[in-house]
Amino acid sequence: MLLAISIQSFVLIDRLSLDVGSGLTALTGETGAGKSILLDALGLVLGGTVNRDLVRKDAKQAVITASFSLTDDDADIWDRLDRWGIPVNREEALVLTRVVPVRGASRAMINGQAVSARNLAELGQALVEIHAQNSASSLQSVAAHRDLLDQFGGLTGQLTATMEAWRAYGATRDQRAAFERAVQQATEQQDWLAFQLSELQDLAPEPGEAARLTSERIRLLHASKLTAQLELADQALSGGQADQVLGQATRALDGVMRIPGLDDLPADDGLVREVRMASEAVERAMIELAEAGQLVARLVRQTHDDPSALSRIETRLFALRAAARKYRCEIDALPETCDALAAELADVESQSDQLDALRAEEDRLYQVWQTLADGLSAGRKQAARRLEAGLLEELGPLHLDRVRFQACIAPSEPGASGLHGHDVVEFLVETNAGEGFGPLRRIASGGELARFSLALKCALSQAGGARTLIFDEADHGVGGAVAAAIGERLARLGRGRQVLAITHSPQVASSACRQWRIRKTDQADGRVTTDVTQMDDGQRLEEIARMLSGSSITDEARAAASKLLEVA
């Protein structure tokens, strides 16, 4: 609901702030006083097209701000704000701002965060419906007719079930299509897959083979030098000199401990301990020297120059590297590539059964959706007949008894999304008998269009939509009983929604909860401004009397105005 609107430097408005209440608010004033300026300002802050000529003369920019209260029922609006990344405190008002400078780009903001005018317009359509002389707002959008009919018919539960069924069907259909393409592609490449697998199986790559072969190749390339150096090491270790030296050291250390007096020293004596440690170190050296000799001797026996082995290794490495380039992987990944090819080839043979299962599931889910869509369509047809009958009751009192209405339900085009069932819904009218039905825009008269919009909104009063409605001169060209009927219907809408009505009709104005008077005021500097005043009871009486009698207010006009207010 619209809480307040603030306007600065816009056309004839210098600075204006208005708090807006619930129910029906009537906006009245003499012709040319500037009632449409408020509508233009509100349209701009709701994402309308920028016109820099509307910036007040000598001002640098026009600024319009509108604040709205939201509830948990406004899930669609909360979702939009969340998608756009706009932080919102649900306990605070939602603030929309539009700044139009004389030069430079205009700016749009939601809660102080810059957004595009398109974002503002999208949000504005969900917040406010403006039924102006030349527009019927969302009622002229065929895309909105189906949603309005579903809400009117209480079909949202069935619609949700249908949407969920369609999404489940669509997900399975997409999965089947993707799987089918994969199977077809695999089948087409089956021979090629088999050839690749056979090639890799013949090659029989092993994990870590490349590193092992590379090491062996290096050894064979340097076999002669390696043998020579190892033989030198073997001769040095097997010559006996080292054994003799270590043996002499062992015997000498043993002799130390046989020196008279030393053999009586305790085991934890420092000298005894260090001699023992030296003896143990020499013993370890003898053991390690023996092990080194054995290792070097084995290496000498294993190392030999084998040109044929080198040739075989280089040929194998060349084959592995070529295969790795061909299959675009590392050499060590060739075994995994071989396994993957084998699995892919095996899948081709088993995928037929999986594809049949997916097709069966797809058909089953489609039938579930079809049943739900048929039920939804039947509900829509019943709701359409009720809506047509309800609207017929509204049209007569509004002097639109020649207009006929039809909620047309037609099958969707082949291939269209079934998210909302299989219906296309459009509201059609026949303005004169025998002309045939056509779109709402066939109602050429601005006043008739506004009244028809009012009648349709009354018939759809429980069908959701924006909670703020604005009607611009729905009473245009009518008076008396028709104007009273318009006022009664606007007041009825105001019981469940916030309604603002720009009117010249005293009957409509008297039906409102509150009334704003819009008038031009001459300033001391010779400029003209438009002011808006919320009137008290006495002021309302005088204003409605003026609307009844013109500029000269008579006692009879005041009495008639008082009667209108009493009846309302």
Protein backbone atom coordinates (compact mmCIF):
# COMPACT_ATOMS: atom_id res chain seq x y z
CA MET A 1 0.00 0.00 0.00
CA LEU A 2 1.18 3.52 -0.82
CA LEU A 3 2.14 5.27 2.42
CA ALA A 4 3.40 8.63 1.22
CA ILE A 5 4.55 10.52 -1.83
CA SER A 6 6.99 13.44 -1.94
CA ILE A 7 7.37 15.66 -5.02
CA GLN A 8 9.96 18.39 -5.59
CA SER A 9 10.30 20.77 -8.56
CA PHE A 10 7.88 18.89 -10.79
CA VAL A 11 5.85 21.00 -13.28
CA LEU A 12 3.81 23.38 -11.08
CA ILE A 13 4.66 21.62 -7.82
CA ASP A 14 7.47 23.30 -5.91
CA ARG A 15 7.53 21.01 -2.87
CA LEU A 16 4.79 18.66 -1.75
CA SER A 17 4.53 15.78 0.74
CA LEU A 18 1.39 13.70 1.15
CA ASP A 19 0.53 10.86 3.51
CA VAL A 20 -1.88 8.42 1.90
CA GLY A 21 -4.37 6.41 3.90
CA SER A 22 -6.29 3.24 3.21
CA GLY A 23 -9.71 3.07 1.57
CA LEU A 24 -10.96 5.46 -1.11
CA THR A 25 -9.36 8.89 -1.48
CA ALA A 26 -10.94 11.37 -3.89
CA LEU A 27 -8.79 13.98 -5.66
CA THR A 28 -10.84 16.98 -6.74
CA GLY A 29 -10.27 20.47 -8.02
CA GLU A 30 -11.14 22.78 -10.85
CA THR A 31 -10.21 21.85 -14.38
CA GLY A 32 -6.54 22.70 -14.99
CA ALA A 33 -5.70 22.77 -11.29
CA GLY A 34 -3.10 20.06 -11.79
CA LYS A 35 -4.77 16.81 -10.77
CA SER A 36 -3.00 14.96 -13.57
CA ILE A 37 0.38 16.24 -12.29
CA LEU A 38 0.09 13.93 -9.30
CA LEU A 39 -0.65 11.03 -11.63
CA ASP A 40 2.31 11.94 -13.84
CA ALA A 41 4.62 12.16 -10.83
CA LEU A 42 3.49 8.82 -9.48
CA GLY A 43 3.85 7.24 -12.92
CA LEU A 44 7.41 8.54 -13.13
CA VAL A 45 8.47 7.12 -9.77
CA LEU A 46 6.93 3.81 -10.84
CA GLY A 47 9.27 3.59 -13.82
CA GLY A 48 7.52 5.76 -16.42
CA THR A 49 9.25 7.47 -19.33
CA VAL A 50 11.31 10.55 -18.46
CA ASN A 51 10.26 13.93 -19.87
CA ARG A 52 12.70 16.69 -18.87
CA ASP A 53 10.14 19.36 -19.78
CA LEU A 54 8.33 18.36 -16.58
CA VAL A 55 11.17 19.69 -14.40
CA ARG A 56 10.00 22.96 -12.83
CA LYS A 57 11.43 26.08 -14.42
CA ASP A 58 14.68 27.32 -12.84
CA ALA A 59 15.11 24.03 -10.92
CA LYS A 60 18.12 21.78 -11.50
CA GLN A 61 16.21 18.55 -11.07
CA ALA A 62 12.88 17.02 -10.13
CA VAL A 63 12.76 14.43 -7.35
CA ILE A 64 9.82 12.12 -6.71
CA THR A 65 9.79 9.65 -3.82
CA ALA A 66 7.08 7.13 -2.94
CA SER A 67 7.07 4.80 0.06
CA PHE A 68 5.08 1.59 0.33
CA SER A 69 4.24 -0.87 3.08
CA LEU A 70 4.58 -4.56 2.22
CA THR A 71 3.29 -7.70 3.91
CA ASP A 72 4.17 -11.38 3.81
CA ASP A 73 1.57 -11.74 1.05
CA ASP A 74 3.81 -9.71 -1.28
CA ALA A 75 6.04 -12.74 -1.94
CA ASP A 76 6.51 -11.81 -5.60
CA ILE A 77 7.88 -8.39 -4.67
CA TRP A 78 10.18 -9.82 -1.99
CA ASP A 79 11.50 -12.33 -4.54
CA ARG A 80 12.28 -9.57 -7.03
CA LEU A 81 14.13 -7.51 -4.44
CA ASP A 82 16.10 -10.57 -3.38
CA ARG A 83 17.06 -11.38 -7.01
CA TRP A 84 18.24 -7.80 -7.53
CA GLY A 85 20.36 -7.91 -4.37
CA ILE A 86 18.50 -5.09 -2.64
CA PRO A 87 18.63 -5.41 1.17
CA VAL A 88 15.21 -4.82 2.72
CA ASN A 89 14.09 -4.70 6.32
CA ARG A 90 10.59 -6.15 6.27
CA GLU A 91 9.64 -3.99 9.22
CA GLU A 92 10.38 -0.78 7.29
CA ALA A 93 8.83 0.93 4.29
CA LEU A 94 9.95 0.24 0.73
CA VAL A 95 11.12 3.54 -0.80
CA LEU A 96 11.18 4.23 -4.54
CA THR A 97 12.95 7.35 -5.83
CA ARG A 98 13.26 8.93 -9.28
CA VAL A 99 15.56 11.87 -9.95
CA VAL A 100 15.23 13.73 -13.27
CA PRO A 101 17.93 16.37 -13.83
CA VAL A 102 17.65 19.05 -16.47
CA ARG A 103 20.90 17.68 -17.93
CA GLY A 104 22.41 14.25 -17.64
CA ALA A 105 20.97 10.84 -17.02
CA SER A 106 18.00 10.28 -14.75
CA ARG A 107 18.44 8.05 -11.70
CA ALA A 108 16.22 5.36 -10.23
CA MET A 109 16.65 4.00 -6.71
CA ILE A 110 15.03 1.43 -4.47
CA ASN A 111 15.81 1.92 -0.77
CA GLY A 112 18.67 4.21 -1.79
CA GLN A 113 20.30 1.60 -4.07
CA ALA A 114 20.66 2.48 -7.72
CA VAL A 115 18.58 0.33 -10.11
CA SER A 116 17.51 0.53 -13.72
CA ALA A 117 14.28 2.23 -14.77
CA ARG A 118 13.20 -1.19 -15.98
CA ASN A 119 13.56 -2.57 -12.43
CA LEU A 120 11.51 0.34 -11.14
CA ALA A 121 8.81 -0.24 -13.76
CA GLU A 122 8.66 -3.98 -13.02
CA LEU A 123 8.24 -3.31 -9.32
CA GLY A 124 5.79 -0.48 -9.98
CA GLN A 125 3.45 -2.77 -11.93
CA ALA A 126 3.23 -5.06 -8.91
CA LEU A 127 2.64 -2.18 -6.49
CA VAL A 128 0.17 0.09 -8.28
CA GLU A 129 -2.42 -0.22 -11.04
CA ILE A 130 -3.23 3.02 -12.84
CA HIS A 131 -6.50 3.06 -14.77
CA ALA A 132 -6.26 6.26 -16.78
CA GLN A 133 -8.36 7.69 -19.58
CA ASN A 134 -6.29 6.02 -22.27
CA SER A 135 -5.14 2.94 -20.43
CA ALA A 136 -6.55 0.06 -18.45
CA SER A 137 -3.22 -0.93 -16.90
CA SER A 138 -2.63 -4.65 -16.57
CA LEU A 139 -6.16 -5.40 -17.76
CA GLN A 140 -5.03 -4.66 -21.31
CA SER A 141 -2.10 -7.04 -20.98
CA VAL A 142 -3.24 -10.41 -22.32
CA ALA A 143 -0.40 -12.02 -20.34
CA ALA A 144 -2.16 -10.99 -17.10
CA HIS A 145 -5.62 -12.29 -18.00
CA ARG A 146 -4.88 -15.94 -17.25
CA ASP A 147 -3.45 -15.09 -13.81
CA LEU A 148 -6.44 -12.89 -13.00
CA LEU A 149 -8.88 -15.64 -14.01
CA ASP A 150 -6.99 -18.24 -11.96
CA GLN A 151 -7.03 -15.98 -8.90
CA PHE A 152 -10.72 -15.21 -9.40
CA GLY A 153 -11.57 -18.89 -9.72
CA GLY A 154 -9.51 -19.93 -6.68
CA LEU A 155 -7.38 -22.11 -8.93
CA THR A 156 -3.95 -21.23 -7.55
CA GLY A 157 -3.61 -24.61 -5.84
CA GLN A 158 -4.39 -26.47 -9.06
CA LEU A 159 -2.08 -24.12 -10.94
CA THR A 160 0.78 -24.83 -8.53
CA ALA A 161 0.29 -28.59 -8.91
CA THR A 162 0.21 -28.22 -12.70
CA MET A 163 3.38 -26.14 -12.69
CA GLU A 164 5.20 -28.68 -10.51
CA ALA A 165 4.07 -31.52 -12.80
CA TRP A 166 5.27 -29.61 -15.87
CA ARG A 167 8.65 -28.92 -14.29
CA ALA A 168 9.04 -32.59 -13.36
CA TYR A 169 8.06 -33.62 -16.90
CA GLY A 170 10.37 -30.98 -18.40
CA ALA A 171 13.34 -32.10 -16.30
CA THR A 172 12.84 -35.74 -17.34
CA ARG A 173 12.28 -34.72 -20.95
CA ASP A 174 15.52 -32.74 -20.98
CA GLN A 175 17.34 -35.61 -19.29
CA ARG A 176 15.98 -38.07 -21.86
CA ALA A 177 16.89 -35.77 -24.76
CA ALA A 178 20.43 -35.29 -23.49
CA PHE A 179 20.81 -39.02 -22.87
CA GLU A 180 19.38 -39.77 -26.29
CA ARG A 181 21.90 -37.45 -27.94
CA ALA A 182 24.70 -39.08 -25.98
CA VAL A 183 23.55 -42.57 -27.01
CA GLN A 184 23.22 -41.53 -30.63
CA GLN A 185 26.66 -39.96 -30.62
CA ALA A 186 28.16 -42.98 -28.89
CA THR A 187 26.47 -45.34 -31.33
CA GLU A 188 27.79 -43.37 -34.27
CA GLN A 189 31.28 -43.56 -32.80
CA GLN A 190 31.07 -47.18 -31.68
CA ASP A 191 33.47 -48.49 -34.33
CA TRP A 192 35.90 -45.67 -33.64
CA LEU A 193 35.68 -46.33 -29.89
CA ALA A 194 36.35 -50.01 -30.48
CA PHE A 195 39.40 -49.20 -32.64
CA GLN A 196 40.78 -46.82 -30.01
CA LEU A 197 40.23 -49.34 -27.24
CA SER A 198 41.90 -52.10 -29.24
CA GLU A 199 44.85 -49.83 -29.96
CA LEU A 200 45.36 -48.97 -26.29
CA GLN A 201 44.82 -52.54 -25.16
CA ASP A 202 47.50 -53.69 -27.62
CA LEU A 203 49.81 -51.01 -26.28
CA ALA A 204 48.97 -52.13 -22.71
CA PRO A 205 50.34 -49.09 -20.85
CA GLU A 206 51.15 -49.61 -17.18
CA PRO A 207 51.04 -47.11 -14.30
CA GLY A 208 54.46 -45.54 -13.70
CA GLU A 209 55.90 -47.21 -16.80
CA ALA A 210 57.23 -44.02 -18.36
CA ALA A 211 59.30 -43.07 -15.31
CA ARG A 212 60.68 -46.59 -15.03
CA LEU A 213 61.63 -46.73 -18.72
CA THR A 214 63.18 -43.26 -18.63
CA SER A 215 65.38 -44.28 -15.72
CA GLU A 216 66.43 -47.50 -17.48
CA ARG A 217 67.18 -45.55 -20.69
CA ILE A 218 69.47 -43.17 -18.82
CA ARG A 219 71.28 -46.14 -17.26
CA LEU A 220 71.81 -47.81 -20.64
CA LEU A 221 72.96 -44.59 -22.30
CA HIS A 222 75.75 -44.26 -19.71
CA ALA A 223 76.38 -47.95 -19.13
CA SER A 224 80.15 -47.94 -19.92
CA LYS A 225 80.95 -45.00 -17.65
CA LEU A 226 78.71 -46.39 -14.94
CA THR A 227 80.41 -49.81 -15.10
CA ALA A 228 83.88 -48.29 -14.88
CA GLN A 229 83.07 -46.23 -11.83
CA LEU A 230 81.32 -49.10 -10.06
CA GLU A 231 84.27 -51.44 -10.70
CA LEU A 232 86.60 -48.87 -9.11
CA ALA A 233 84.33 -48.72 -6.12
CA ASP A 234 84.18 -52.52 -5.96
CA GLN A 235 87.97 -52.83 -6.06
CA ALA A 236 88.34 -50.27 -3.29
CA LEU A 237 85.82 -51.99 -1.07
CA SER A 238 87.04 -55.52 -1.70
CA GLY A 239 90.80 -54.80 -1.45
CA GLY A 240 90.96 -55.54 2.27
CA GLN A 241 92.73 -52.34 3.35
CA ALA A 242 89.59 -50.94 4.96
CA ASP A 243 88.93 -54.23 6.79
CA GLN A 244 92.49 -54.25 8.12
CA VAL A 245 92.29 -50.66 9.35
CA LEU A 246 88.94 -51.21 11.09
CA GLY A 247 90.22 -54.51 12.60
CA GLN A 248 93.30 -52.77 14.00
CA ALA A 249 91.06 -50.07 15.48
CA THR A 250 88.84 -52.69 17.11
CA ARG A 251 91.79 -54.56 18.65
CA ALA A 252 93.36 -51.33 19.90
CA LEU A 253 90.17 -50.23 21.60
CA ASP A 254 89.81 -53.65 23.19
CA GLY A 255 93.38 -53.26 24.45
CA VAL A 256 92.50 -49.97 26.11
CA MET A 257 90.00 -51.69 28.30
CA ARG A 258 92.64 -54.34 29.34
CA ILE A 259 95.08 -51.76 30.73
CA PRO A 260 95.60 -52.52 34.48
CA GLY A 261 93.33 -50.37 36.59
CA LEU A 262 91.03 -49.37 33.76
CA ASP A 263 89.23 -52.69 33.83
CA ASP A 264 88.16 -51.90 37.39
CA LEU A 265 86.50 -48.59 36.49
CA PRO A 266 82.64 -48.49 36.74
CA ALA A 267 80.61 -48.74 33.52
CA ASP A 268 79.31 -45.14 33.84
CA ASP A 269 82.84 -43.70 34.01
CA GLY A 270 83.30 -41.09 31.28
CA LEU A 271 86.41 -42.71 29.75
CA VAL A 272 84.88 -46.16 29.77
CA ARG A 273 81.68 -44.86 28.20
CA GLU A 274 83.48 -43.02 25.38
CA VAL A 275 85.79 -45.99 24.61
CA ARG A 276 82.70 -48.21 24.39
CA MET A 277 80.96 -45.72 22.05
CA ALA A 278 84.07 -45.58 19.82
CA SER A 279 84.19 -49.37 19.71
CA GLU A 280 80.49 -49.58 18.74
CA ALA A 281 80.99 -46.97 15.99
CA VAL A 282 83.89 -48.97 14.51
CA GLU A 283 81.72 -52.11 14.63
CA ARG A 284 78.89 -50.33 12.75
CA ALA A 285 81.41 -49.10 10.20
CA MET A 286 82.55 -52.65 9.57
CA ILE A 287 78.94 -53.82 9.08
CA GLU A 288 78.09 -50.92 6.72
CA LEU A 289 81.36 -51.43 4.84
CA ALA A 290 80.37 -55.05 4.25
CA GLU A 291 76.88 -53.99 3.06
CA ALA A 292 78.33 -51.36 0.72
CA GLY A 293 80.63 -53.98 -0.76
CA GLN A 294 77.74 -56.33 -1.41
CA LEU A 295 75.63 -53.57 -3.05
CA VAL A 296 78.42 -52.37 -5.30
CA ALA A 297 79.27 -55.95 -6.29
CA ARG A 298 75.62 -56.57 -7.25
CA LEU A 299 75.52 -53.31 -9.27
CA VAL A 300 78.68 -54.38 -11.13
CA ARG A 301 77.02 -57.67 -12.04
CA GLN A 302 73.80 -55.93 -13.17
CA THR A 303 75.36 -53.14 -15.18
CA HIS A 304 76.27 -53.94 -18.73
CA ASP A 305 76.03 -52.29 -22.12
CA ASP A 306 72.99 -53.72 -24.04
CA PRO A 307 72.27 -51.79 -27.30
CA SER A 308 69.25 -53.96 -28.12
CA ALA A 309 67.66 -53.20 -24.74
CA LEU A 310 68.22 -49.48 -25.25
CA SER A 311 66.54 -49.71 -28.68
CA ARG A 312 63.55 -51.54 -27.24
CA ILE A 313 63.13 -48.98 -24.44
CA GLU A 314 63.34 -46.01 -26.80
CA THR A 315 60.80 -47.61 -29.13
CA ARG A 316 58.43 -48.21 -26.21
CA LEU A 317 58.80 -44.65 -24.92
CA PHE A 318 58.14 -43.28 -28.40
CA ALA A 319 54.94 -45.37 -28.66
CA LEU A 320 53.72 -44.22 -25.23
CA ARG A 321 54.40 -40.55 -26.00
CA ALA A 322 52.64 -40.82 -29.35
CA ALA A 323 49.59 -42.38 -27.69
CA ALA A 324 49.55 -39.66 -25.02
CA ARG A 325 49.57 -36.95 -27.72
CA LYS A 326 46.82 -38.72 -29.65
CA TYR A 327 44.55 -39.08 -26.64
CA ARG A 328 45.54 -35.70 -25.19
CA CYS A 329 46.62 -36.92 -21.80
CA GLU A 330 49.74 -37.59 -19.77
CA ILE A 331 51.53 -40.90 -20.34
CA ASP A 332 50.65 -42.01 -16.81
CA ALA A 333 46.95 -41.38 -17.59
CA LEU A 334 46.89 -43.80 -20.55
CA PRO A 335 45.69 -46.75 -18.41
CA GLU A 336 42.80 -44.63 -17.12
CA THR A 337 42.00 -43.54 -20.69
CA CYS A 338 41.91 -47.17 -21.71
CA ASP A 339 39.51 -47.98 -18.86
CA ALA A 340 37.32 -44.99 -19.75
CA LEU A 341 37.08 -46.10 -23.39
CA ALA A 342 36.15 -49.60 -22.28
CA ALA A 343 33.43 -48.22 -19.98
CA GLU A 344 32.09 -45.90 -22.70
CA LEU A 345 31.94 -48.76 -25.19
CA ALA A 346 30.16 -50.94 -22.63
CA ASP A 347 27.67 -48.14 -21.97
CA VAL A 348 26.64 -48.06 -25.62
CA GLU A 349 25.39 -51.60 -25.25
CA SER A 350 23.59 -51.01 -21.93
CA GLN A 351 22.19 -47.52 -22.66
CA SER A 352 19.32 -48.78 -24.77
CA ASP A 353 17.51 -50.14 -21.71
CA GLN A 354 18.17 -46.94 -19.76
CA LEU A 355 16.81 -44.86 -22.63
CA ASP A 356 13.64 -46.94 -22.77
CA ALA A 357 13.15 -46.42 -19.02
CA LEU A 358 13.58 -42.65 -19.38
CA ARG A 359 11.08 -42.53 -22.23
CA ALA A 360 8.55 -44.45 -20.18
CA GLU A 361 9.03 -42.07 -17.23
CA GLU A 362 8.70 -39.08 -19.52
CA ASP A 363 5.39 -40.40 -20.90
CA ARG A 364 4.11 -41.09 -17.38
CA LEU A 365 4.92 -37.58 -16.15
CA TYR A 366 3.34 -36.05 -19.25
CA GLN A 367 0.12 -37.92 -18.52
CA VAL A 368 0.20 -36.64 -14.92
CA TRP A 369 0.58 -33.10 -16.23
CA GLN A 370 -2.12 -33.62 -18.86
CA THR A 371 -4.63 -34.76 -16.23
CA LEU A 372 -3.86 -31.76 -14.01
CA ALA A 373 -3.95 -29.35 -16.98
CA ASP A 374 -7.33 -30.73 -18.06
CA GLY A 375 -8.68 -30.18 -14.54
CA LEU A 376 -7.26 -26.66 -14.50
CA SER A 377 -8.81 -25.92 -17.88
CA ALA A 378 -12.22 -27.13 -16.66
CA GLY A 379 -11.90 -24.90 -13.60
CA ARG A 380 -11.01 -21.94 -15.80
CA LYS A 381 -14.08 -22.46 -17.97
CA GLN A 382 -16.32 -22.47 -14.90
CA ALA A 383 -14.57 -19.38 -13.50
CA ALA A 384 -14.90 -17.64 -16.89
CA ARG A 385 -18.68 -18.13 -16.89
CA ARG A 386 -18.93 -16.78 -13.32
CA LEU A 387 -16.75 -13.80 -14.20
CA GLU A 388 -18.84 -13.02 -17.28
CA ALA A 389 -22.05 -13.15 -15.21
CA GLY A 390 -20.52 -11.05 -12.43
CA LEU A 391 -19.26 -8.41 -14.83
CA LEU A 392 -22.64 -8.25 -16.56
CA GLU A 393 -24.18 -7.15 -13.27
CA GLU A 394 -21.61 -4.36 -12.96
CA LEU A 395 -21.91 -2.95 -16.49
CA GLY A 396 -25.56 -1.86 -16.50
CA PRO A 397 -25.37 0.64 -13.62
CA LEU A 398 -22.20 2.11 -15.19
CA HIS A 399 -24.04 2.92 -18.44
CA LEU A 400 -22.16 0.20 -20.30
CA ASP A 401 -25.13 -2.08 -20.89
CA ARG A 402 -24.30 -2.36 -24.63
CA VAL A 403 -20.87 -3.80 -23.88
CA ARG A 404 -20.61 -7.57 -23.74
CA PHE A 405 -17.69 -9.41 -22.18
CA GLN A 406 -16.15 -12.79 -22.80
CA ALA A 407 -13.28 -14.56 -21.03
CA CYS A 408 -12.02 -16.54 -24.01
CA ILE A 409 -10.13 -19.77 -23.30
CA ALA A 410 -8.28 -21.26 -26.26
CA PRO A 411 -5.70 -24.04 -26.62
CA SER A 412 -2.05 -23.06 -26.49
CA GLU A 413 0.03 -23.14 -29.63
CA PRO A 414 1.79 -26.46 -30.32
CA GLY A 415 5.16 -26.51 -28.58
CA ALA A 416 4.20 -23.80 -26.09
CA SER A 417 5.22 -24.18 -22.48
CA GLY A 418 2.72 -26.06 -20.34
CA LEU A 419 3.80 -24.39 -17.12
CA HIS A 420 0.37 -22.75 -16.78
CA GLY A 421 -1.56 -25.60 -18.35
CA HIS A 422 -2.60 -25.77 -21.99
CA ASP A 423 -4.83 -22.67 -22.15
CA VAL A 424 -4.47 -19.17 -23.54
CA VAL A 425 -6.83 -16.77 -21.77
CA GLU A 426 -7.87 -13.41 -23.18
CA PHE A 427 -10.55 -10.98 -22.08
CA LEU A 428 -12.61 -9.85 -25.07
CA VAL A 429 -15.38 -7.26 -25.50
CA GLU A 430 -18.12 -6.47 -27.96
CA THR A 431 -19.03 -2.81 -27.78
CA ASN A 432 -22.06 -3.04 -30.05
CA ALA A 433 -24.24 -6.02 -30.88
CA GLY A 434 -23.20 -7.80 -34.05
CA GLU A 435 -19.70 -6.29 -34.25
CA GLY A 436 -18.06 -9.40 -32.83
CA PHE A 437 -15.68 -9.70 -29.91
CA GLY A 438 -12.25 -8.09 -29.87
CA PRO A 439 -9.54 -6.98 -27.42
CA LEU A 440 -10.23 -4.48 -24.63
CA ARG A 441 -8.60 -1.69 -26.59
CA ARG A 442 -11.65 -1.70 -28.88
CA ILE A 443 -13.36 0.40 -26.21
CA ALA A 444 -12.36 3.69 -27.78
CA SER A 445 -13.79 6.15 -25.30
CA GLY A 446 -11.43 6.99 -22.47
CA GLY A 447 -14.29 7.34 -20.01
CA GLU A 448 -15.86 4.05 -21.07
CA LEU A 449 -12.51 2.32 -20.81
CA ALA A 450 -11.99 3.62 -17.26
CA ARG A 451 -15.52 2.57 -16.26
CA PHE A 452 -15.12 -0.85 -17.82
CA SER A 453 -11.83 -1.27 -15.94
CA LEU A 454 -13.66 -0.34 -12.75
CA ALA A 455 -16.40 -2.87 -13.45
CA LEU A 456 -13.87 -5.60 -14.20
CA LYS A 457 -11.85 -4.81 -11.08
CA CYS A 458 -15.05 -5.00 -9.02
CA ALA A 459 -15.89 -8.38 -10.53
CA LEU A 460 -12.29 -9.47 -9.89
CA SER A 461 -12.13 -7.84 -6.47
CA GLN A 462 -10.95 -11.05 -4.78
CA ALA A 463 -8.47 -11.93 -7.51
CA GLY A 464 -5.34 -10.39 -6.04
CA GLY A 465 -3.13 -8.00 -7.99
CA ALA A 466 -1.80 -4.63 -6.89
CA ARG A 467 -3.22 -3.35 -3.60
CA THR A 468 -3.13 0.29 -4.74
CA LEU A 469 -5.51 1.28 -7.55
CA ILE A 470 -5.70 4.70 -9.19
CA PHE A 471 -8.65 5.70 -11.37
CA ASP A 472 -8.35 8.84 -13.48
CA GLU A 473 -11.79 10.32 -14.18
CA ALA A 474 -13.70 7.05 -14.40
CA ASP A 475 -16.76 9.35 -14.19
CA HIS A 476 -15.83 11.24 -17.37
CA GLY A 477 -18.91 12.11 -19.42
CA VAL A 478 -21.48 10.73 -16.96
CA GLY A 479 -23.41 12.04 -14.02
CA GLY A 480 -26.33 11.35 -11.76
CA ALA A 481 -27.07 7.69 -11.11
CA VAL A 482 -24.11 6.47 -13.18
CA ALA A 483 -21.68 8.65 -11.23
CA ALA A 484 -23.24 7.43 -7.99
CA ALA A 485 -22.78 3.84 -9.16
CA ILE A 486 -19.13 4.59 -9.93
CA GLY A 487 -18.65 6.10 -6.46
CA GLU A 488 -20.32 3.12 -4.80
CA ARG A 489 -18.04 0.69 -6.68
CA LEU A 490 -14.90 2.67 -5.94
CA ALA A 491 -15.83 2.71 -2.26
CA ARG A 492 -16.48 -1.04 -2.40
CA LEU A 493 -13.02 -1.62 -3.87
CA GLY A 494 -11.61 0.65 -1.17
CA ARG A 495 -12.79 -1.71 1.55
CA GLY A 496 -10.18 -4.26 0.53
CA ARG A 497 -7.62 -2.09 -1.25
CA GLN A 498 -6.24 1.40 -1.37
CA VAL A 499 -8.02 3.40 -4.08
CA LEU A 500 -7.25 6.92 -5.35
CA ALA A 501 -9.80 8.47 -7.71
CA ILE A 502 -9.31 11.67 -9.67
CA THR A 503 -12.84 12.93 -10.18
CA HIS A 504 -15.07 15.83 -11.22
CA SER A 505 -18.15 14.09 -9.87
CA PRO A 506 -19.63 15.13 -6.49
CA GLN A 507 -21.25 11.70 -6.23
CA VAL A 508 -17.84 10.01 -6.48
CA ALA A 509 -16.15 12.50 -4.16
CA SER A 510 -18.81 12.05 -1.49
CA SER A 511 -18.25 8.26 -1.53
CA ALA A 512 -14.62 8.65 -0.43
CA CYS A 513 -13.17 8.20 3.04
CA ARG A 514 -11.14 11.36 2.55
CA GLN A 515 -10.81 14.07 -0.04
CA TRP A 516 -7.87 16.06 -1.34
CA ARG A 517 -8.38 19.43 -2.99
CA ILE A 518 -5.93 20.32 -5.74
CA ARG A 519 -5.66 23.96 -6.75
CA LYS A 520 -3.32 26.48 -8.29
CA THR A 521 -1.93 29.29 -6.14
CA ASP A 522 -0.35 32.55 -7.34
CA GLN A 523 2.91 33.26 -5.48
CA ALA A 524 4.30 36.66 -4.56
CA ASP A 525 7.02 36.35 -7.19
CA GLY A 526 4.39 35.92 -9.89
CA ARG A 527 4.88 32.19 -10.25
CA VAL A 528 2.08 29.63 -10.03
CA THR A 529 2.24 26.50 -7.89
CA THR A 530 -0.06 23.55 -7.41
CA ASP A 531 -0.99 22.69 -3.82
CA VAL A 532 -2.81 19.67 -2.40
CA THR A 533 -4.82 19.92 0.82
CA GLN A 534 -6.59 17.16 2.70
CA MET A 535 -9.94 18.67 3.65
CA ASP A 536 -11.84 18.39 6.89
CA ASP A 537 -15.58 17.78 6.96
CA GLY A 538 -16.48 21.44 6.56
CA GLN A 539 -14.08 21.93 3.68
CA ARG A 540 -15.39 18.78 2.00
CA LEU A 541 -18.92 20.13 2.22
CA GLU A 542 -17.88 23.38 0.53
CA GLU A 543 -15.85 21.56 -2.15
CA ILE A 544 -18.67 19.17 -3.06
CA ALA A 545 -21.08 22.09 -3.12
CA ARG A 546 -18.73 23.87 -5.54
CA MET A 547 -18.64 20.73 -7.70
CA LEU A 548 -22.46 20.75 -7.75
CA SER A 549 -23.06 24.42 -8.48
CA GLY A 550 -19.84 25.84 -9.91
CA SER A 551 -17.96 28.90 -8.69
CA SER A 552 -21.01 30.45 -6.97
CA ILE A 553 -21.93 28.17 -4.06
CA THR A 554 -25.58 28.37 -3.04
CA ASP A 555 -27.35 27.13 0.07
CA GLU A 556 -29.16 24.62 -2.10
CA ALA A 557 -25.80 23.28 -3.28
CA ARG A 558 -24.61 22.99 0.31
CA ALA A 559 -27.77 21.13 1.25
CA ALA A 560 -27.35 18.75 -1.68
CA ALA A 561 -23.70 18.24 -0.78
CA SER A 562 -24.66 17.49 2.82
CA LYS A 563 -27.21 14.96 1.59
CA LEU A 564 -24.59 13.24 -0.59
CA LEU A 565 -22.19 12.99 2.32
CA GLU A 566 -24.89 11.60 4.60
CA VAL A 567 -25.91 8.94 2.08
CA ALA A 568 -22.28 7.95 1.56
